[in-house]
């Protein structure tokens, strides 16, 4: 890794480097030079990202690099304008950087991360992007066209499953009251669910013996659960208690935030890319990047991977309902309801696109979230606050899951090969457009 630090990745430097590169005759020598240059670009990316995180407080999801770099980011913080210019300069430099086939994947990953960072920096300066532009430039996907008539058909199916009078969302909320985990049982139920998710994941994915997580309960958040990766194979898993937790959420949270979801992904990235390959760019986990689609998509797919067919509802009825002291008589109806509601998952992206593009009002967006997610007005407002804070990030949960699950199913024939494909996508550096080819 180069020790010398460059103030800017200028075109003059690139031209000089290219001449130096051309003067070497062997592929091995060329690979070494390019690797060193990618190392330098990667260092700049991390340092610029840390500074961007000082302005864009959601940008840095986790950091595992040198502590002094974080201190430098605070003490030598560039102006927003200068920071945006330097990020764009790095993006341009990566665009023209000559590379070997051996390093193509690393270069592509770094370029796409810097492209996403460039968009966030430009947004910081007040530049606006449409929802579909954010989807493409940050998350590397083309948005499908959404038709609310399709969502209305699902609502009709749900109405037939649980017929009755009055507003459908209110009826569903009343039905789900019987599945709320009592407050004094939340920790025991969630801990048991997480342990089961971990046991199933451990059958297929080997993690370091030191891996672990801390479970913590919080309030006043715009999300239901969050995994804050701490580095050295440790995570802080936070669960939001602003609203009651239903029994069917326990496994979902355990798989999504933990095993084989976010915690497993972070552990594999840290060990295989940062430590083994010494790719310093993976010391920085930006929230807004094309790998967010892989992270959220794989975490959502993790539930059906760990609990295929009817295994989730079977385990819930056999173990978790009893632990929570809940009656299982309507468990089958709850499972059918959840499978239908899954077909409404893209409605949040459809609403977010309309709202953030200025085509519907905030109140209309809240009503759409209430209607198509079958939730209370209070939870619909929380959902809109999430959209306002994280913008196009919402597409990673539903479109991300579709892309990841379809990709894995194309590569596998049985459960074992599904797990093998799942583990590969976490570190093979493919993003959305790659998986759709």
Protein backbone atom coordinates (compact mmCIF):
# COMPACT_ATOMS: atom_id res chain seq x y z
CA UNK A 1 0.00 0.00 0.00
CA UNK A 2 1.40 3.40 -0.95
CA UNK A 3 2.42 5.60 1.97
CA UNK A 4 2.52 8.81 0.00
CA UNK A 5 -0.74 10.76 0.06
CA UNK A 6 -1.84 12.75 -2.96
CA UNK A 7 -3.84 15.93 -2.53
CA UNK A 8 -5.91 15.14 -5.61
CA UNK A 9 -6.27 12.39 -8.24
CA UNK A 10 -5.41 14.72 -11.12
CA UNK A 11 -5.34 13.88 -14.77
CA UNK A 12 -1.63 14.78 -14.81
CA UNK A 13 -0.94 12.06 -12.28
CA UNK A 14 -2.98 9.55 -14.27
CA UNK A 15 -1.15 10.36 -17.48
CA UNK A 16 2.21 10.00 -15.74
CA UNK A 17 1.09 6.75 -14.20
CA UNK A 18 -0.08 5.42 -17.55
CA UNK A 19 3.36 6.09 -19.05
CA UNK A 20 4.95 4.28 -16.14
CA UNK A 21 2.48 1.43 -16.56
CA UNK A 22 3.22 1.13 -20.27
CA UNK A 23 6.98 0.86 -19.67
CA UNK A 24 6.63 -2.43 -17.80
CA UNK A 25 6.62 -5.55 -19.86
CA UNK A 26 5.23 -8.29 -17.65
CA UNK A 27 1.66 -8.84 -16.57
CA UNK A 28 2.81 -9.39 -12.98
CA UNK A 29 4.56 -6.02 -12.84
CA UNK A 30 1.52 -4.30 -14.32
CA UNK A 31 -0.80 -5.94 -11.80
CA UNK A 32 1.36 -4.74 -8.92
CA UNK A 33 1.36 -1.15 -10.16
CA UNK A 34 -2.38 -1.13 -10.75
CA UNK A 35 -3.06 -2.73 -7.38
CA UNK A 36 -1.02 0.01 -5.73
CA UNK A 37 -2.99 2.66 -7.58
CA UNK A 38 -6.29 1.04 -6.64
CA UNK A 39 -5.03 0.95 -3.06
CA UNK A 40 -4.37 4.66 -3.23
CA UNK A 41 -7.79 5.33 -4.75
CA UNK A 42 -9.37 3.13 -2.11
CA UNK A 43 -7.69 5.11 0.67
CA UNK A 44 -8.96 8.34 -0.83
CA UNK A 45 -12.46 6.89 -1.09
CA UNK A 46 -12.48 5.93 2.59
CA UNK A 47 -11.16 9.29 3.76
CA UNK A 48 -13.57 11.22 1.53
CA UNK A 49 -16.40 9.00 2.75
CA UNK A 50 -15.58 9.74 6.38
CA UNK A 51 -15.69 13.46 5.65
CA UNK A 52 -18.97 13.10 3.77
CA UNK A 53 -20.30 11.33 6.85
CA UNK A 54 -19.61 14.47 8.89
CA UNK A 55 -22.16 16.31 6.76
CA UNK A 56 -24.42 13.44 5.69
CA UNK A 57 -24.91 11.76 9.07
CA UNK A 58 -26.62 8.65 7.66
CA UNK A 59 -23.88 7.96 5.10
CA UNK A 60 -21.40 5.94 7.20
CA UNK A 61 -23.13 2.80 8.42
CA UNK A 62 -19.95 1.25 9.84
CA UNK A 63 -16.21 1.94 9.83
CA UNK A 64 -13.37 -0.43 10.67
CA UNK A 65 -10.33 1.43 9.37
CA UNK A 66 -7.56 3.37 11.15
CA UNK A 67 -8.89 5.46 14.02
CA UNK A 68 -6.68 8.38 13.02
CA UNK A 69 -8.49 8.67 9.68
CA UNK A 70 -11.75 9.33 11.48
CA UNK A 71 -10.05 11.95 13.65
CA UNK A 72 -8.53 13.58 10.57
CA UNK A 73 -11.94 13.68 8.91
CA UNK A 74 -13.25 15.76 11.79
CA UNK A 75 -10.21 17.98 12.28
CA UNK A 76 -9.43 18.64 8.59
CA UNK A 77 -12.95 18.70 7.23
CA UNK A 78 -13.19 20.22 3.77
CA UNK A 79 -15.99 22.56 2.79
CA UNK A 80 -19.00 20.89 1.21
CA UNK A 81 -18.08 22.34 -2.17
CA UNK A 82 -14.44 21.20 -2.02
CA UNK A 83 -15.44 17.78 -0.75
CA UNK A 84 -17.91 17.30 -3.60
CA UNK A 85 -15.29 18.40 -6.12
CA UNK A 86 -12.69 15.99 -4.74
CA UNK A 87 -15.16 13.11 -4.75
CA UNK A 88 -16.04 13.86 -8.36
CA UNK A 89 -12.34 14.06 -9.22
CA UNK A 90 -11.82 10.57 -7.81
CA UNK A 91 -14.77 9.29 -9.82
CA UNK A 92 -13.29 10.72 -13.02
CA UNK A 93 -9.90 9.23 -12.21
CA UNK A 94 -11.38 5.77 -11.75
CA UNK A 95 -13.22 6.14 -15.05
CA UNK A 96 -9.96 6.36 -17.02
CA UNK A 97 -7.76 4.16 -14.84
CA UNK A 98 -6.24 1.27 -16.87
CA UNK A 99 -6.79 -2.07 -15.16
CA UNK A 100 -6.06 -5.74 -15.65
CA UNK A 101 -8.69 -8.46 -15.81
CA UNK A 102 -7.40 -9.74 -12.47
CA UNK A 103 -8.48 -6.53 -10.73
CA UNK A 104 -11.60 -5.79 -12.75
CA UNK A 105 -14.07 -6.81 -10.03
CA UNK A 106 -12.37 -4.70 -7.39
CA UNK A 107 -12.19 -1.71 -9.70
CA UNK A 108 -15.86 -2.04 -10.66
CA UNK A 109 -16.93 -2.25 -7.01
CA UNK A 110 -14.87 0.80 -6.06
CA UNK A 111 -16.11 2.78 -9.06
CA UNK A 112 -19.76 2.07 -8.28
CA UNK A 113 -19.30 2.98 -4.63
CA UNK A 114 -17.62 6.26 -5.58
CA UNK A 115 -20.38 6.97 -8.11
CA UNK A 116 -22.96 6.57 -5.37
CA UNK A 117 -20.89 8.77 -3.04
CA UNK A 118 -20.66 11.40 -5.78
CA UNK A 119 -24.47 11.54 -6.02
CA UNK A 120 -24.85 11.95 -2.25
CA UNK A 121 -22.25 14.73 -2.27
CA UNK A 122 -24.07 16.52 -5.07
CA UNK A 123 -27.33 16.17 -3.17
CA UNK A 124 -25.58 17.73 -0.19
CA UNK A 125 -24.94 20.79 -2.35
CA UNK A 126 -28.63 21.00 -3.27
CA UNK A 127 -28.66 19.16 -6.59
CA UNK A 128 -31.87 17.18 -7.10
CA UNK A 129 -32.32 13.75 -8.62
CA UNK A 130 -35.48 11.91 -9.53
CA UNK A 131 -36.27 8.72 -7.66
CA UNK A 132 -35.37 6.62 -10.72
CA UNK A 133 -32.06 8.47 -11.10
CA UNK A 134 -31.17 7.70 -7.49
CA UNK A 135 -32.11 4.07 -8.09
CA UNK A 136 -29.75 3.84 -11.05
CA UNK A 137 -26.81 5.94 -9.87
CA UNK A 138 -26.73 4.84 -6.23
CA UNK A 139 -28.25 1.34 -6.20
CA UNK A 140 -27.46 0.24 -9.78
CA UNK A 141 -31.00 -0.78 -10.77
CA UNK A 142 -33.70 0.28 -13.19
CA UNK A 143 -37.07 0.73 -11.52
CA UNK A 144 -40.01 -1.28 -12.81
CA UNK A 145 -43.29 0.48 -13.53
CA UNK A 146 -45.71 0.11 -10.62
CA UNK A 147 -49.46 -0.30 -11.07
CA UNK A 148 -51.61 0.31 -8.01
CA UNK A 149 -54.39 -1.71 -9.65
CA UNK A 150 -52.23 -4.79 -9.02
CA UNK A 151 -51.97 -3.87 -5.34
CA UNK A 152 -55.75 -3.37 -5.23
CA UNK A 153 -56.23 -6.94 -6.47
CA UNK A 154 -54.16 -8.18 -3.54
CA UNK A 155 -56.28 -6.13 -1.15
CA UNK A 156 -59.35 -7.85 -2.58
CA UNK A 157 -57.77 -11.25 -1.89
CA UNK A 158 -57.02 -10.20 1.69
CA UNK A 159 -60.58 -9.00 2.09
CA UNK A 160 -61.80 -12.44 1.05
CA UNK A 161 -59.43 -14.13 3.50
CA UNK A 162 -60.63 -12.01 6.42
CA UNK A 163 -64.07 -10.69 5.44
CA UNK A 164 -65.96 -8.19 7.54
CA UNK A 165 -67.30 -4.67 7.75
CA UNK A 166 -65.39 -1.42 7.95
CA UNK A 167 -61.96 -0.30 6.83
CA UNK A 168 -59.71 -3.20 5.80
CA UNK A 169 -56.61 -1.77 7.48
CA UNK A 170 -58.47 -1.40 10.77
CA UNK A 171 -59.81 -4.95 10.52
CA UNK A 172 -56.36 -6.34 9.86
CA UNK A 173 -54.93 -4.39 12.79
CA UNK A 174 -57.68 -5.72 15.06
CA UNK A 175 -56.98 -9.26 13.84
CA UNK A 176 -53.29 -8.87 14.56
CA UNK A 177 -53.86 -7.72 18.14
CA UNK A 178 -54.01 -11.37 19.20
CA UNK A 179 -50.44 -11.90 18.00
CA UNK A 180 -48.69 -9.16 19.98
CA UNK A 181 -45.82 -10.44 22.12
CA UNK A 182 -46.38 -9.32 25.75
CA UNK A 183 -43.81 -6.72 26.81
CA UNK A 184 -42.33 -8.94 29.50
CA UNK A 185 -41.77 -11.73 26.95
CA UNK A 186 -40.24 -9.70 24.09
CA UNK A 187 -36.61 -10.28 25.02
CA UNK A 188 -37.06 -14.01 25.66
CA UNK A 189 -38.98 -14.57 22.42
CA UNK A 190 -36.61 -12.54 20.26
CA UNK A 191 -33.52 -14.13 21.81
CA UNK A 192 -34.96 -17.60 21.15
CA UNK A 193 -35.80 -16.68 17.56
CA UNK A 194 -32.32 -15.28 16.94
CA UNK A 195 -30.73 -18.41 18.39
CA UNK A 196 -32.76 -20.55 15.98
CA UNK A 197 -31.80 -18.35 13.03
CA UNK A 198 -28.15 -18.63 14.06
CA UNK A 199 -28.31 -22.42 14.42
CA UNK A 200 -29.79 -22.83 10.95
CA UNK A 201 -27.28 -20.45 9.40
CA UNK A 202 -24.36 -22.19 11.10
CA UNK A 203 -25.25 -25.44 9.34
CA UNK A 204 -24.20 -23.88 6.03
CA UNK A 205 -22.06 -20.79 6.65
CA UNK A 206 -18.93 -20.94 8.81
CA UNK A 207 -18.20 -17.84 10.86
CA UNK A 208 -15.27 -17.05 13.19
CA UNK A 209 -15.65 -18.45 16.69
CA UNK A 210 -15.52 -14.92 18.09
CA UNK A 211 -18.59 -13.66 16.19
CA UNK A 212 -21.37 -12.34 18.40
CA UNK A 213 -23.93 -9.60 18.81
CA UNK A 214 -25.50 -7.51 21.53
CA UNK A 215 -29.28 -7.12 21.58
CA UNK A 216 -30.58 -3.70 22.62
CA UNK A 217 -34.03 -2.10 22.74
CA UNK A 218 -34.64 1.50 21.66
CA UNK A 219 -37.48 3.92 20.90
CA UNK A 220 -38.15 6.98 18.75
CA UNK A 221 -36.73 5.53 15.51
CA UNK A 222 -38.02 5.44 11.94
CA UNK A 223 -37.15 1.76 11.57
CA UNK A 224 -38.19 -1.46 13.35
CA UNK A 225 -34.73 -3.01 13.63
CA UNK A 226 -31.12 -2.06 12.84
CA UNK A 227 -27.80 -3.87 12.86
CA UNK A 228 -24.90 -1.59 13.76
CA UNK A 229 -21.77 -3.52 12.87
CA UNK A 230 -18.99 -2.85 15.38
CA UNK A 231 -16.12 -4.65 13.66
CA UNK A 232 -14.08 -7.63 14.87
CA UNK A 233 -17.06 -9.91 14.17
CA UNK A 234 -19.39 -8.08 16.58
CA UNK A 235 -22.73 -6.40 15.97
CA UNK A 236 -25.11 -4.25 17.98
CA UNK A 237 -28.65 -5.29 17.07
CA UNK A 238 -31.26 -2.69 18.03
CA UNK A 239 -34.99 -3.36 18.12
CA UNK A 240 -37.44 -0.45 18.12
CA UNK A 241 -40.21 -0.66 20.71
CA UNK A 242 -42.22 2.33 19.49
CA UNK A 243 -44.92 -0.12 18.44
CA UNK A 244 -45.85 -3.60 19.72
CA UNK A 245 -43.93 -6.50 18.20
CA UNK A 246 -46.02 -9.27 16.68
CA UNK A 247 -45.01 -12.89 17.02
CA UNK A 248 -44.42 -13.30 13.26
CA UNK A 249 -41.78 -10.52 13.37
CA UNK A 250 -39.44 -12.41 15.70
CA UNK A 251 -37.99 -14.77 13.09
CA UNK A 252 -37.99 -12.01 10.48
CA UNK A 253 -35.93 -9.71 12.71
CA UNK A 254 -33.60 -12.52 13.76
CA UNK A 255 -32.83 -13.57 10.18
CA UNK A 256 -32.79 -10.10 8.65
CA UNK A 257 -30.65 -8.30 11.22
CA UNK A 258 -28.67 -11.33 12.32
CA UNK A 259 -28.35 -14.78 10.74
CA UNK A 260 -27.86 -15.17 7.82
CA UNK A 261 -28.67 -11.49 7.22
CA UNK A 262 -26.79 -8.30 8.02
CA UNK A 263 -24.54 -9.64 10.77
CA UNK A 264 -23.33 -12.55 8.62
CA UNK A 265 -22.80 -10.30 5.60
CA UNK A 266 -20.75 -7.81 7.62
CA UNK A 267 -18.62 -10.55 9.17
CA UNK A 268 -17.86 -12.07 5.76
CA UNK A 269 -17.03 -8.69 4.22
CA UNK A 270 -14.69 -7.79 7.08
CA UNK A 271 -12.84 -11.10 7.03
CA UNK A 272 -12.72 -12.01 3.34
CA UNK A 273 -12.33 -8.61 1.70
CA UNK A 274 -10.85 -6.29 4.32
CA UNK A 275 -8.59 -8.61 6.29
CA UNK A 276 -7.67 -11.38 3.84
CA UNK A 277 -7.35 -9.25 0.70
CA UNK A 278 -6.39 -6.03 2.47
CA UNK A 279 -8.88 -4.03 0.41
CA UNK A 280 -9.11 -0.94 2.61
CA UNK A 281 -12.25 0.33 0.87
CA UNK A 282 -14.21 -2.33 2.72
CA UNK A 283 -13.32 -0.72 6.04
CA UNK A 284 -16.08 1.75 5.18
CA UNK A 285 -19.67 0.54 4.95
CA UNK A 286 -21.65 3.35 3.27
CA UNK A 287 -25.39 3.12 3.71
CA UNK A 288 -26.09 4.61 0.29
CA UNK A 289 -24.31 2.34 -2.18
CA UNK A 290 -25.16 -0.39 -4.72
CA UNK A 291 -24.26 -2.97 -2.08
CA UNK A 292 -27.18 -1.78 0.05
CA UNK A 293 -29.39 -3.59 -2.45
CA UNK A 294 -27.40 -6.78 -1.89
CA UNK A 295 -27.41 -6.29 1.88
CA UNK A 296 -31.14 -5.62 2.24
CA UNK A 297 -32.20 -7.98 -0.52
CA UNK A 298 -30.21 -10.88 0.92
CA UNK A 299 -31.36 -10.07 4.46
CA UNK A 300 -35.00 -10.24 3.37
CA UNK A 301 -34.39 -13.43 1.39
CA UNK A 302 -32.61 -14.84 4.45
CA UNK A 303 -35.94 -15.59 6.12
CA UNK A 304 -37.20 -18.01 3.49
CA UNK A 305 -33.70 -19.42 3.02
CA UNK A 306 -33.45 -20.36 6.71
CA UNK A 307 -37.12 -21.31 7.02
CA UNK A 308 -38.21 -22.71 3.63
CA UNK A 309 -41.76 -23.81 2.73
CA UNK A 310 -43.86 -23.93 5.93
CA UNK A 311 -40.98 -24.18 8.41
CA UNK A 312 -41.39 -20.62 9.73
CA UNK A 313 -45.01 -20.97 10.79
CA UNK A 314 -44.33 -24.50 12.06
CA UNK A 315 -41.52 -23.28 14.33
CA UNK A 316 -43.56 -20.29 15.47
CA UNK A 317 -46.54 -22.45 16.43
CA UNK A 318 -44.42 -25.14 18.07
CA UNK A 319 -42.01 -22.89 19.99
CA UNK A 320 -42.52 -19.12 19.88
CA UNK A 321 -46.27 -18.94 20.47
CA UNK A 322 -45.84 -20.99 23.63
CA UNK A 323 -42.91 -18.86 24.78
CA UNK A 324 -45.03 -15.74 24.34
CA UNK A 325 -48.12 -17.33 25.90
CA UNK A 326 -50.19 -16.84 22.72
CA UNK A 327 -53.00 -18.95 21.28
CA UNK A 328 -52.20 -20.67 17.98
CA UNK A 329 -55.79 -21.11 16.77
CA UNK A 330 -55.52 -18.36 14.12
CA UNK A 331 -51.85 -18.93 13.29
CA UNK A 332 -52.64 -20.49 9.90
CA UNK A 333 -54.73 -17.45 8.90
CA UNK A 334 -51.90 -15.17 10.01
CA UNK A 335 -49.48 -17.08 7.80
CA UNK A 336 -51.81 -16.84 4.79
CA UNK A 337 -52.29 -13.13 5.47
CA UNK A 338 -48.53 -12.54 5.57
CA UNK A 339 -48.02 -14.35 2.26
CA UNK A 340 -50.60 -12.09 0.62
CA UNK A 341 -49.14 -8.97 2.24
CA UNK A 342 -45.75 -9.93 0.77
CA UNK A 343 -47.31 -9.22 -2.63
CA UNK A 344 -47.79 -5.62 -1.48
CA UNK A 345 -44.13 -5.11 -0.58
CA UNK A 346 -43.40 -2.97 -3.65
CA UNK A 347 -46.14 -0.52 -2.68
CA UNK A 348 -43.72 1.40 -0.42
CA UNK A 349 -41.38 1.98 -3.36
CA UNK A 350 -44.27 3.03 -5.59
CA UNK A 351 -45.46 5.52 -2.96
CA UNK A 352 -41.94 6.77 -2.25
CA UNK A 353 -41.36 7.45 -5.94
CA UNK A 354 -44.59 9.44 -6.28
CA UNK A 355 -43.99 11.37 -3.06
CA UNK A 356 -40.32 12.21 -3.53
CA UNK A 357 -40.91 13.17 -7.17
CA UNK A 358 -43.58 15.62 -5.98
CA UNK A 359 -46.54 13.87 -7.61
CA UNK A 360 -48.51 13.30 -4.40
CA UNK A 361 -48.71 15.20 -1.12
CA UNK A 362 -47.36 14.00 2.19
CA UNK A 363 -50.87 13.27 3.42
CA UNK A 364 -51.65 11.28 0.28
CA UNK A 365 -48.43 9.33 0.80
CA UNK A 366 -49.41 8.53 4.40
CA UNK A 367 -52.80 7.31 3.25
CA UNK A 368 -51.23 5.10 0.58
CA UNK A 369 -48.89 3.58 3.14
CA UNK A 370 -51.79 2.97 5.53
CA UNK A 371 -53.93 1.41 2.80
CA UNK A 372 -51.40 -0.77 1.02
CA UNK A 373 -49.39 -1.91 4.03
CA UNK A 374 -52.53 -2.44 6.11
CA UNK A 375 -51.11 -0.54 9.05
CA UNK A 376 -52.30 2.16 11.42
CA UNK A 377 -52.02 5.84 10.59
CA UNK A 378 -49.28 6.17 13.21
CA UNK A 379 -47.19 3.44 11.59
CA UNK A 380 -47.89 4.91 8.14
CA UNK A 381 -46.49 8.23 9.36
CA UNK A 382 -43.40 6.42 10.64
CA UNK A 383 -43.04 4.83 7.20
CA UNK A 384 -43.14 8.24 5.51
CA UNK A 385 -40.53 9.58 7.92
CA UNK A 386 -38.34 6.65 6.88
CA UNK A 387 -38.86 7.57 3.21
CA UNK A 388 -38.03 11.20 3.91
CA UNK A 389 -34.84 10.24 5.72
CA UNK A 390 -33.55 7.45 3.49
CA UNK A 391 -35.24 8.28 0.17
CA UNK A 392 -34.75 5.67 -2.60
CA UNK A 393 -33.15 3.28 -0.10
CA UNK A 394 -36.61 1.72 0.37
CA UNK A 395 -36.36 -0.09 -2.97
CA UNK A 396 -33.61 -2.33 -1.59
CA UNK A 397 -36.02 -4.26 0.61
CA UNK A 398 -38.44 -5.37 -2.11
CA UNK A 399 -36.73 -4.97 -5.48
CA UNK A 400 -33.50 -6.08 -3.81
CA UNK A 401 -35.12 -9.23 -2.51
CA UNK A 402 -36.60 -10.03 -5.93
CA UNK A 403 -33.23 -9.61 -7.64
CA UNK A 404 -31.32 -11.63 -5.02
CA UNK A 405 -33.86 -14.47 -4.78
CA UNK A 406 -34.23 -14.83 -8.56
CA UNK A 407 -30.47 -14.80 -8.99
CA UNK A 408 -29.89 -17.43 -6.31
CA UNK A 409 -32.68 -19.66 -7.59
CA UNK A 410 -31.19 -19.57 -11.09
CA UNK A 411 -27.87 -20.80 -9.67
CA UNK A 412 -29.15 -23.57 -7.40
CA UNK A 413 -30.98 -26.85 -7.56
CA UNK A 414 -31.45 -27.72 -3.90
CA UNK A 415 -31.24 -26.21 -0.42
CA UNK A 416 -27.49 -26.79 -0.04
CA UNK A 417 -26.67 -25.08 -3.35
CA UNK A 418 -29.04 -22.24 -2.40
CA UNK A 419 -26.98 -21.56 0.71
CA UNK A 420 -23.75 -21.80 -1.29
CA UNK A 421 -25.03 -19.28 -3.84
CA UNK A 422 -26.29 -17.05 -1.04
CA UNK A 423 -22.88 -16.98 0.64
CA UNK A 424 -21.14 -16.23 -2.67
CA UNK A 425 -23.25 -13.20 -3.51
CA UNK A 426 -22.36 -11.58 -0.19
CA UNK A 427 -18.71 -11.20 -1.22
CA UNK A 428 -18.47 -11.72 -5.01
CA UNK A 429 -18.99 -7.95 -5.58
CA UNK A 430 -21.89 -8.27 -8.03
CA UNK A 431 -24.53 -5.53 -7.88
CA UNK A 432 -28.06 -5.22 -9.21
CA UNK A 433 -27.31 -4.78 -12.91
CA UNK A 434 -24.90 -7.75 -12.84
CA UNK A 435 -27.54 -10.03 -11.36
CA UNK A 436 -30.10 -9.10 -13.99
CA UNK A 437 -27.86 -10.00 -16.93
